[in-house]
Amino acid sequence: MKRSRFTEEQIIGLLREQEAGEKTAEVGRKHGISTATFYA
């Protein structure tokens, strides 16, 4: 199994940022991930 680049806590933080109203593209750009990766 492939090891994740982000910890569970980091992933949860990204999801909460997006839920708080920040645009998905902005969250991705800030943390260096693509929108496709975000939705995967």
PDB file of N, CA and C in Angstrom:
ATOM      1  N   MET A   1       0.841  -1.183   0.000  1.00  0.00           N
ATOM      2  CA  MET A   1       0.000   0.000   0.000  1.00  0.00           C
ATOM      3  C   MET A   1       0.884   1.244   0.000  1.00  0.00           C
ATOM      4  N   LYS A   2       0.507   2.233  -0.800  1.00  0.00           N
ATOM      5  CA  LYS A   2       1.290   3.459  -0.896  1.00  0.00           C
ATOM      6  C   LYS A   2       1.130   4.303   0.365  1.00  0.00           C
ATOM      7  N   ARG A   3       2.251   4.839   0.827  1.00  0.00           N
ATOM      8  CA  ARG A   3       2.233   5.674   2.018  1.00  0.00           C
ATOM      9  C   ARG A   3       1.721   7.069   1.664  1.00  0.00           C
ATOM     10  N   SER A   4       0.845   7.618   2.460  1.00  0.00           N
ATOM     11  CA  SER A   4       0.282   8.934   2.213  1.00  0.00           C
ATOM     12  C   SER A   4       1.310  10.025   2.488  1.00  0.00           C
ATOM     13  N   ARG A   5       1.268  11.057   1.692  1.00  0.00           N
ATOM     14  CA  ARG A   5       2.188  12.178   1.847  1.00  0.00           C
ATOM     15  C   ARG A   5       1.770  13.078   3.006  1.00  0.00           C
ATOM     16  N   PHE A   6       0.500  13.057   3.345  1.00  0.00           N
ATOM     17  CA  PHE A   6      -0.042  13.886   4.410  1.00  0.00           C
ATOM     18  C   PHE A   6      -0.557  13.012   5.549  1.00  0.00           C
ATOM     19  N   THR A   7      -0.456  13.515   6.773  1.00  0.00           N
ATOM     20  CA  THR A   7      -1.001  12.788   7.916  1.00  0.00           C
ATOM     21  C   THR A   7      -2.512  12.972   7.937  1.00  0.00           C
ATOM     22  N   GLU A   8      -3.188  12.154   8.715  1.00  0.00           N
ATOM     23  CA  GLU A   8      -4.641  12.276   8.830  1.00  0.00           C
ATOM     24  C   GLU A   8      -5.036  13.649   9.349  1.00  0.00           C
ATOM     25  N   GLU A   9      -4.259  14.177  10.290  1.00  0.00           N
ATOM     26  CA  GLU A   9      -4.561  15.490  10.860  1.00  0.00           C
ATOM     27  C   GLU A   9      -4.462  16.588   9.803  1.00  0.00           C
ATOM     28  N   GLN A  10      -3.452  16.477   8.925  1.00  0.00           N
ATOM     29  CA  GLN A  10      -3.292  17.467   7.868  1.00  0.00           C
ATOM     30  C   GLN A  10      -4.449  17.395   6.877  1.00  0.00           C
ATOM     31  N   ILE A  11      -4.871  16.192   6.536  1.00  0.00           N
ATOM     32  CA  ILE A  11      -5.980  16.013   5.604  1.00  0.00           C
ATOM     33  C   ILE A  11      -7.258  16.593   6.191  1.00  0.00           C
ATOM     34  N   ILE A  12      -7.511  16.331   7.457  1.00  0.00           N
ATOM     35  CA  ILE A  12      -8.698  16.866   8.121  1.00  0.00           C
ATOM     36  C   ILE A  12      -8.655  18.392   8.136  1.00  0.00           C
ATOM     37  N   GLY A  13      -7.467  18.953   8.371  1.00  0.00           N
ATOM     38  CA  GLY A  13      -7.313  20.412   8.354  1.00  0.00           C
ATOM     39  C   GLY A  13      -7.639  20.997   6.995  1.00  0.00           C
ATOM     40  N   LEU A  14      -7.188  20.341   5.927  1.00  0.00           N
ATOM     41  CA  LEU A  14      -7.487  20.803   4.569  1.00  0.00           C
ATOM     42  C   LEU A  14      -8.990  20.777   4.309  1.00  0.00           C
ATOM     43  N   LEU A  15      -9.630  19.688   4.704  1.00  0.00           N
ATOM     44  CA  LEU A  15     -11.080  19.568   4.498  1.00  0.00           C
ATOM     45  C   LEU A  15     -11.844  20.628   5.281  1.00  0.00           C
ATOM     46  N   ARG A  16     -11.412  20.906   6.497  1.00  0.00           N
ATOM     47  CA  ARG A  16     -12.087  21.932   7.315  1.00  0.00           C
ATOM     48  C   ARG A  16     -11.904  23.324   6.721  1.00  0.00           C
ATOM     49  N   GLU A  17     -10.719  23.606   6.174  1.00  0.00           N
ATOM     50  CA  GLU A  17     -10.497  24.902   5.515  1.00  0.00           C
ATOM     51  C   GLU A  17     -11.478  25.074   4.368  1.00  0.00           C
ATOM     52  N   GLN A  18     -11.644  24.017   3.576  1.00  0.00           N
ATOM     53  CA  GLN A  18     -12.540  24.087   2.427  1.00  0.00           C
ATOM     54  C   GLN A  18     -13.989  24.212   2.886  1.00  0.00           C
ATOM     55  N   GLU A  19     -14.358  23.503   3.939  1.00  0.00           N
ATOM     56  CA  GLU A  19     -15.723  23.586   4.454  1.00  0.00           C
ATOM     57  C   GLU A  19     -16.034  24.955   5.037  1.00  0.00           C
ATOM     58  N   ALA A  20     -15.008  25.654   5.533  1.00  0.00           N
ATOM     59  CA  ALA A  20     -15.195  26.971   6.133  1.00  0.00           C
ATOM     60  C   ALA A  20     -15.485  28.044   5.094  1.00  0.00           C
ATOM     61  N   GLY A  21     -15.389  27.680   3.811  1.00  0.00           N
ATOM     62  CA  GLY A  21     -15.753  28.620   2.766  1.00  0.00           C
ATOM     63  C   GLY A  21     -14.622  29.003   1.846  1.00  0.00           C
ATOM     64  N   GLU A  22     -13.418  28.536   2.113  1.00  0.00           N
ATOM     65  CA  GLU A  22     -12.303  28.840   1.227  1.00  0.00           C
ATOM     66  C   GLU A  22     -12.444  28.002  -0.041  1.00  0.00           C
ATOM     67  N   LYS A  23     -12.093  28.583  -1.179  1.00  0.00           N
ATOM     68  CA  LYS A  23     -12.221  27.868  -2.449  1.00  0.00           C
ATOM     69  C   LYS A  23     -11.239  26.713  -2.508  1.00  0.00           C
ATOM     70  N   THR A  24     -11.669  25.625  -3.128  1.00  0.00           N
ATOM     71  CA  THR A  24     -10.849  24.420  -3.231  1.00  0.00           C
ATOM     72  C   THR A  24      -9.528  24.709  -3.932  1.00  0.00           C
ATOM     73  N   ALA A  25      -9.558  25.519  -4.974  1.00  0.00           N
ATOM     74  CA  ALA A  25      -8.333  25.852  -5.705  1.00  0.00           C
ATOM     75  C   ALA A  25      -7.351  26.593  -4.805  1.00  0.00           C
ATOM     76  N   GLU A  26      -7.852  27.479  -3.951  1.00  0.00           N
ATOM     77  CA  GLU A  26      -6.992  28.241  -3.037  1.00  0.00           C
ATOM     78  C   GLU A  26      -6.356  27.320  -1.996  1.00  0.00           C
ATOM     79  N   VAL A  27      -7.138  26.411  -1.445  1.00  0.00           N
ATOM     80  CA  VAL A  27      -6.610  25.461  -0.460  1.00  0.00           C
ATOM     81  C   VAL A  27      -5.524  24.611  -1.106  1.00  0.00           C
ATOM     82  N   GLY A  28      -5.784  24.135  -2.296  1.00  0.00           N
ATOM     83  CA  GLY A  28      -4.809  23.316  -3.005  1.00  0.00           C
ATOM     84  C   GLY A  28      -3.533  24.075  -3.305  1.00  0.00           C
ATOM     85  N   ARG A  29      -3.668  25.288  -3.765  1.00  0.00           N
ATOM     86  CA  ARG A  29      -2.501  26.096  -4.097  1.00  0.00           C
ATOM     87  C   ARG A  29      -1.660  26.378  -2.849  1.00  0.00           C
ATOM     88  N   LYS A  30      -2.322  26.672  -1.748  1.00  0.00           N
ATOM     89  CA  LYS A  30      -1.621  26.989  -0.504  1.00  0.00           C
ATOM     90  C   LYS A  30      -0.829  25.791   0.020  1.00  0.00           C
ATOM     91  N   HIS A  31      -1.361  24.584  -0.161  1.00  0.00           N
ATOM     92  CA  HIS A  31      -0.730  23.385   0.390  1.00  0.00           C
ATOM     93  C   HIS A  31      -0.016  22.524  -0.651  1.00  0.00           C
ATOM     94  N   GLY A  32      -0.054  22.939  -1.903  1.00  0.00           N
ATOM     95  CA  GLY A  32       0.702  22.253  -2.941  1.00  0.00           C
ATOM     96  C   GLY A  32       0.070  20.967  -3.448  1.00  0.00           C
ATOM     97  N   ILE A  33      -1.268  20.930  -3.523  1.00  0.00           N
ATOM     98  CA  ILE A  33      -1.945  19.762  -4.082  1.00  0.00           C
ATOM     99  C   ILE A  33      -2.888  20.223  -5.186  1.00  0.00           C
ATOM    100  N   SER A  34      -3.193  19.334  -6.115  1.00  0.00           N
ATOM    101  CA  SER A  34      -4.113  19.683  -7.193  1.00  0.00           C
ATOM    102  C   SER A  34      -5.550  19.499  -6.708  1.00  0.00           C
ATOM    103  N   THR A  35      -6.480  20.108  -7.435  1.00  0.00           N
ATOM    104  CA  THR A  35      -7.891  19.948  -7.073  1.00  0.00           C
ATOM    105  C   THR A  35      -8.335  18.509  -7.253  1.00  0.00           C
ATOM    106  N   ALA A  36      -7.769  17.805  -8.261  1.00  0.00           N
ATOM    107  CA  ALA A  36      -8.111  16.402  -8.473  1.00  0.00           C
ATOM    108  C   ALA A  36      -7.680  15.564  -7.274  1.00  0.00           C
ATOM    109  N   THR A  37      -6.499  15.848  -6.743  1.00  0.00           N
ATOM    110  CA  THR A  37      -6.022  15.129  -5.555  1.00  0.00           C
ATOM    111  C   THR A  37      -6.912  15.431  -4.369  1.00  0.00           C
ATOM    112  N   PHE A  38      -7.333  16.676  -4.250  1.00  0.00           N
ATOM    113  CA  PHE A  38      -8.212  17.073  -3.147  1.00  0.00           C
ATOM    114  C   PHE A  38      -9.492  16.254  -3.159  1.00  0.00           C
ATOM    115  N   TYR A  39     -10.099  16.106  -4.333  1.00  0.00           N
ATOM    116  CA  TYR A  39     -11.359  15.380  -4.424  1.00  0.00           C
ATOM    117  C   TYR A  39     -11.183  13.867  -4.345  1.00  0.00           C
ATOM    118  N   ALA A  40      -9.987  13.386  -4.628  1.00  0.00           N
ATOM    119  CA  ALA A  40      -9.733  11.944  -4.547  1.00  0.00           C
ATOM    120  C   ALA A  40      -9.669  11.541  -3.102  1.00  0.00           C
TER     121      ALA A  40
END
